Structures are given as C-alpha cells and as structure tokens.
Amino acid sequence: MDNGNEDHSRLEALKKFDESKAGVKGLVDAGLTSIPSFFVHSSETLSDLKKPTQNHTQTQSIPTIDLSGFDSDRRSAIVEQVGRSAREYGFFQIINHGISSEILDRTIKVVKEFHEQPLEAKEKYYGRGGGTGFSYMSNVDLYQSKAASWRDTMTVRLDAVTLDTVPEICKEAVAVWDREIVKLGEIVLELVGEGLGLTFSCHASYNHLDDLI
C-alpha cells in the first residue's frame, strides 16, 4: 500500500472513530481485543523517544513554590521565588495552594463518573468546537497527532451563563472547583506581577476552567 492510500485509510479510521462519539471508553466497552493502528506510534517515532538527549545527565527539577502564608510576612519571600521562577523557567508548580483535598478528590470523582456513563448520556456533549460551555471528546489533536492518545477529555469553560451547559452529574462539583480555581488564579497572577515588578490588579474577568482530564 502506498503512502497516499495509507494516509487515506488512516483518515477514514479516524473519522469513523470520531463520528462514533464513543471515545476510548467506547472501544473498551465494546470488548476491544486489539488496539487500532492509529493509536500506535511508528517504530521510527518510538526509536526517537528512546534516544538520550545530550544533557540527560543535567536534569533540572521544576521549581516548587509553597504558597502557604502568601498573605503574611512570608509574602516577600514567595514573591521573590515566583519572580525568579517566572524569569528563569517561565513556569513553576505550587503546593499548599489552599484548595482542599476534599474539593480536588470530589472533582476527580465526578469527572470519572461522567466518563463512566453510557454513550447515550454523553454523546450529545461530544464536539470539537471552541467557545464557552461544556464538551467532551477523545483526543483534542486527533487529526493532527502522529498517533492518538488512549484518553477521552471533558472540557469546561465557564462564565455566568454557561454553567447550565454542564451535565447534572458534575455541575455542582465543577462550579465549586471553578470558584476555587478563580481565586487561586488571581492570587498567583498577583504574585507573578509583583515578582516581575508589574503594577496591576488581576481582580477582573479571570473566570473560566479549562480541560478537566
């Protein structure tokens, strides 16, 4: 089979998978016994992934910043850490951010519950469009990636209007998560602004939640 026919066959398989709206969960529920070829990386790609990089012995860890006490006398130290990480790395991870483990666990629980539903309950939400609201799909980059990932994704972009688009099974937990992540986002943006020497207030329209996976 030449490359043209091979590419066409792959595209047709992707379309069939996408149009089923069943996602990876649907393949599992159907009793799949072998992984479809569009999920499998080529031997060349796998070989490249295994090659060590030149600096493989000089690994650096991602900066981790403890946000506890950000509104106390620790603030100046935290601001200094955030500013340095933003300038030198461009990103960092945070701990002790104030969102309780109960909220995190509940959010993860309802996301799983949504995906565990039968197809009839989920298919009306399936879509690749942008904008606000709720949707679920399998592989955001399904048609662009060299190989699909074994995952389904639900995406939530909330504002005051679009909360009603969220399925009842996860609406309440998602609303609580959104409220908490907005507050945390404002705190982090303020710290970044201070750390970079900027003067602004971020108490504005930072009010959406992206990509719950």
Protein backbone atom coordinates (compact mmCIF):
# COMPACT_ATOMS: atom_id res chain seq x y z
CA MET A 1 0.00 0.00 0.00
CA ASP A 2 1.48 3.38 -0.96
CA ASN A 3 1.60 6.33 1.40
CA GLY A 4 -1.39 8.03 -0.23
CA ASN A 5 -3.67 5.06 0.30
CA GLU A 6 -2.25 4.50 3.77
CA ASP A 7 -2.93 8.12 4.75
CA HIS A 8 -6.45 7.90 3.33
CA SER A 9 -7.19 4.69 5.25
CA ARG A 10 -5.91 6.25 8.46
CA LEU A 11 -8.06 9.36 7.96
CA GLU A 12 -11.12 7.21 7.34
CA ALA A 13 -10.44 5.24 10.53
CA LEU A 14 -10.05 8.48 12.50
CA LYS A 15 -13.31 9.85 11.13
CA LYS A 16 -15.17 6.64 11.95
CA PHE A 17 -13.79 6.70 15.49
CA ASP A 18 -14.60 10.40 15.93
CA GLU A 19 -18.10 10.16 14.49
CA SER A 20 -18.96 7.27 16.81
CA LYS A 21 -18.70 9.77 19.71
CA ALA A 22 -17.90 6.80 21.93
CA GLY A 23 -14.26 7.63 22.54
CA VAL A 24 -11.70 5.30 24.05
CA LYS A 25 -14.21 4.27 26.71
CA GLY A 26 -16.49 3.08 23.93
CA LEU A 27 -13.76 0.90 22.48
CA VAL A 28 -13.22 -0.69 25.88
CA ASP A 29 -16.95 -1.19 26.44
CA ALA A 30 -17.24 -2.85 23.02
CA GLY A 31 -14.77 -5.53 24.11
CA LEU A 32 -11.82 -4.38 22.04
CA THR A 33 -9.16 -7.09 21.77
CA SER A 34 -6.51 -5.18 19.81
CA ILE A 35 -5.52 -1.52 19.72
CA PRO A 36 -6.45 0.29 16.46
CA SER A 37 -3.40 1.20 14.40
CA PHE A 38 -3.96 4.97 14.66
CA PHE A 39 -3.14 4.72 18.37
CA VAL A 40 0.24 3.13 17.64
CA HIS A 41 3.38 5.19 17.08
CA SER A 42 5.66 4.19 14.23
CA SER A 43 8.88 2.36 15.05
CA GLU A 44 10.82 5.48 13.97
CA THR A 45 8.95 7.66 16.46
CA LEU A 46 9.42 5.15 19.27
CA SER A 47 13.10 4.91 18.44
CA ASP A 48 13.47 8.68 18.65
CA LEU A 49 11.72 8.74 22.02
CA LYS A 50 14.27 6.31 23.44
CA LYS A 51 17.31 8.31 22.34
CA PRO A 52 19.03 10.04 25.26
CA THR A 53 19.44 13.78 25.00
CA GLN A 54 22.85 15.41 25.16
CA ASN A 55 22.04 16.92 28.54
CA HIS A 56 20.36 13.85 30.01
CA THR A 57 22.76 13.90 32.96
CA GLN A 58 21.99 17.56 33.70
CA THR A 59 18.34 17.26 34.60
CA GLN A 60 16.72 20.12 36.46
CA SER A 61 13.66 19.93 38.64
CA ILE A 62 10.63 22.14 38.14
CA PRO A 63 10.57 24.97 40.73
CA THR A 64 8.11 24.19 43.52
CA ILE A 65 6.69 27.12 45.49
CA ASP A 66 4.89 26.81 48.82
CA LEU A 67 2.04 29.35 48.80
CA SER A 68 1.16 28.96 52.48
CA GLY A 69 1.35 32.34 54.17
CA PHE A 70 1.25 34.32 50.91
CA ASP A 71 -0.74 36.98 52.82
CA SER A 72 1.63 37.03 55.81
CA ASP A 73 5.22 38.10 56.39
CA ARG A 74 6.24 35.22 54.05
CA ARG A 75 4.83 37.13 51.08
CA SER A 76 8.07 38.87 50.12
CA ALA A 77 9.96 35.55 50.04
CA ILE A 78 7.21 33.93 47.97
CA VAL A 79 7.13 36.88 45.56
CA GLU A 80 10.90 36.59 45.12
CA GLN A 81 10.61 32.85 44.36
CA VAL A 82 7.75 33.38 41.92
CA GLY A 83 9.55 36.19 40.11
CA ARG A 84 12.78 34.21 39.78
CA SER A 85 10.94 31.13 38.53
CA ALA A 86 8.94 33.18 36.04
CA ARG A 87 12.08 34.84 34.66
CA GLU A 88 14.38 31.82 34.61
CA TYR A 89 11.96 28.99 33.80
CA GLY A 90 8.71 30.55 32.64
CA PHE A 91 6.67 28.21 34.84
CA PHE A 92 6.55 26.61 38.29
CA GLN A 93 4.40 24.31 40.37
CA ILE A 94 2.72 25.25 43.62
CA ILE A 95 1.90 23.42 46.84
CA ASN A 96 -0.23 24.39 49.82
CA HIS A 97 -2.39 26.43 47.45
CA GLY A 98 -5.46 26.45 49.69
CA ILE A 99 -7.78 24.24 47.62
CA SER A 100 -8.75 21.39 49.91
CA SER A 101 -8.08 17.77 49.09
CA GLU A 102 -11.81 17.15 49.51
CA ILE A 103 -12.61 19.53 46.65
CA LEU A 104 -9.88 18.06 44.47
CA ASP A 105 -10.98 14.48 45.18
CA ARG A 106 -14.62 15.29 44.53
CA THR A 107 -13.80 17.00 41.22
CA ILE A 108 -11.79 13.99 40.06
CA LYS A 109 -14.60 11.69 41.20
CA VAL A 110 -17.32 13.43 39.19
CA VAL A 111 -15.10 13.64 36.10
CA LYS A 112 -14.68 9.87 36.29
CA GLU A 113 -18.40 9.45 36.83
CA PHE A 114 -19.15 11.46 33.72
CA HIS A 115 -16.83 9.32 31.58
CA GLU A 116 -18.20 6.10 33.07
CA GLN A 117 -21.72 6.88 31.86
CA PRO A 118 -23.19 5.01 28.89
CA LEU A 119 -22.76 6.60 25.47
CA GLU A 120 -26.41 7.72 25.32
CA ALA A 121 -25.80 10.06 28.27
CA LYS A 122 -22.61 11.56 26.82
CA GLU A 123 -22.92 11.74 23.04
CA LYS A 124 -24.93 14.98 22.99
CA TYR A 125 -21.94 16.73 24.59
CA TYR A 126 -19.39 15.38 22.10
CA GLY A 127 -17.78 18.04 19.93
CA ARG A 128 -14.59 19.76 18.81
CA GLY A 129 -15.88 23.32 18.73
CA GLY A 130 -14.32 26.08 20.80
CA GLY A 131 -16.03 28.77 22.81
CA THR A 132 -17.56 28.52 26.25
CA GLY A 133 -19.60 25.78 27.79
CA PHE A 134 -19.11 22.06 28.23
CA SER A 135 -17.95 19.41 25.80
CA TYR A 136 -16.24 16.08 25.75
CA MET A 137 -14.15 14.44 23.05
CA SER A 138 -11.43 11.91 22.50
CA ASN A 139 -8.04 13.42 21.69
CA VAL A 140 -8.01 17.18 21.20
CA ASP A 141 -5.38 16.74 18.47
CA LEU A 142 -6.89 13.59 16.95
CA TYR A 143 -6.40 14.71 13.34
CA GLN A 144 -3.02 16.38 13.86
CA SER A 145 -1.03 13.96 16.03
CA LYS A 146 1.17 11.20 14.66
CA ALA A 147 -0.65 8.75 16.93
CA ALA A 148 -3.76 9.15 19.05
CA SER A 149 -3.56 9.03 22.83
CA TRP A 150 -5.52 6.49 24.84
CA ARG A 151 -7.74 9.04 26.54
CA ASP A 152 -11.02 10.92 26.49
CA THR A 153 -11.29 14.53 27.62
CA MET A 154 -14.02 16.73 29.03
CA THR A 155 -13.57 20.47 28.68
CA VAL A 156 -15.31 23.15 30.72
CA ARG A 157 -15.09 26.87 30.01
CA LEU A 158 -17.43 28.60 32.40
CA ASP A 159 -18.97 32.01 32.72
CA ALA A 160 -22.14 33.18 34.44
CA VAL A 161 -24.30 31.84 31.63
CA THR A 162 -22.71 28.57 30.59
CA LEU A 163 -22.86 26.74 33.92
CA ASP A 164 -26.24 25.47 32.74
CA THR A 165 -24.49 23.58 29.91
CA VAL A 166 -22.66 21.36 32.41
CA PRO A 167 -24.26 17.92 32.96
CA GLU A 168 -26.04 17.49 36.28
CA ILE A 169 -23.74 14.61 37.24
CA CYS A 170 -20.82 17.00 37.66
CA LYS A 171 -22.34 20.51 37.71
CA GLU A 172 -22.15 21.23 41.44
CA ALA A 173 -18.60 19.96 41.89
CA VAL A 174 -17.39 21.78 38.78
CA ALA A 175 -18.95 25.05 39.99
CA VAL A 176 -17.15 24.73 43.33
CA TRP A 177 -13.88 23.90 41.59
CA ASP A 178 -14.29 26.88 39.25
CA ARG A 179 -14.85 29.24 42.16
CA GLU A 180 -11.76 27.98 43.98
CA ILE A 181 -9.50 27.97 40.92
CA VAL A 182 -10.53 31.54 40.02
CA LYS A 183 -9.49 32.73 43.47
CA LEU A 184 -6.21 30.84 43.23
CA GLY A 185 -5.59 32.20 39.74
CA GLU A 186 -5.99 35.75 41.00
CA ILE A 187 -3.54 35.11 43.84
CA VAL A 188 -0.92 33.59 41.53
CA LEU A 189 -1.25 36.37 38.96
CA GLU A 190 -0.78 38.98 41.66
CA LEU A 191 2.34 37.21 42.92
CA VAL A 192 3.72 36.92 39.39
CA GLY A 193 3.01 40.60 38.78
CA GLU A 194 4.79 41.61 41.96
CA GLY A 195 7.68 39.26 41.26
CA LEU A 196 8.21 40.77 37.82
CA GLY A 197 7.85 44.32 39.08
CA LEU A 198 4.50 44.98 37.40
CA THR A 199 1.79 47.17 38.85
CA PHE A 200 -1.68 45.93 38.05
CA SER A 201 -4.70 44.32 39.64
CA CYS A 202 -5.90 40.97 38.35
CA HIS A 203 -9.31 41.10 40.03
CA ALA A 204 -11.07 41.07 36.70
CA SER A 205 -12.69 38.54 34.41
CA TYR A 206 -10.44 35.57 35.07
CA ASN A 207 -13.39 33.24 35.24
CA HIS A 208 -13.01 30.05 33.34
CA LEU A 209 -11.95 26.49 33.87
CA ASP A 210 -10.10 24.62 31.12
CA ASP A 211 -9.51 20.93 30.39
CA LEU A 212 -10.54 18.67 33.15
CA ILE A 213 -8.99 15.34 32.01
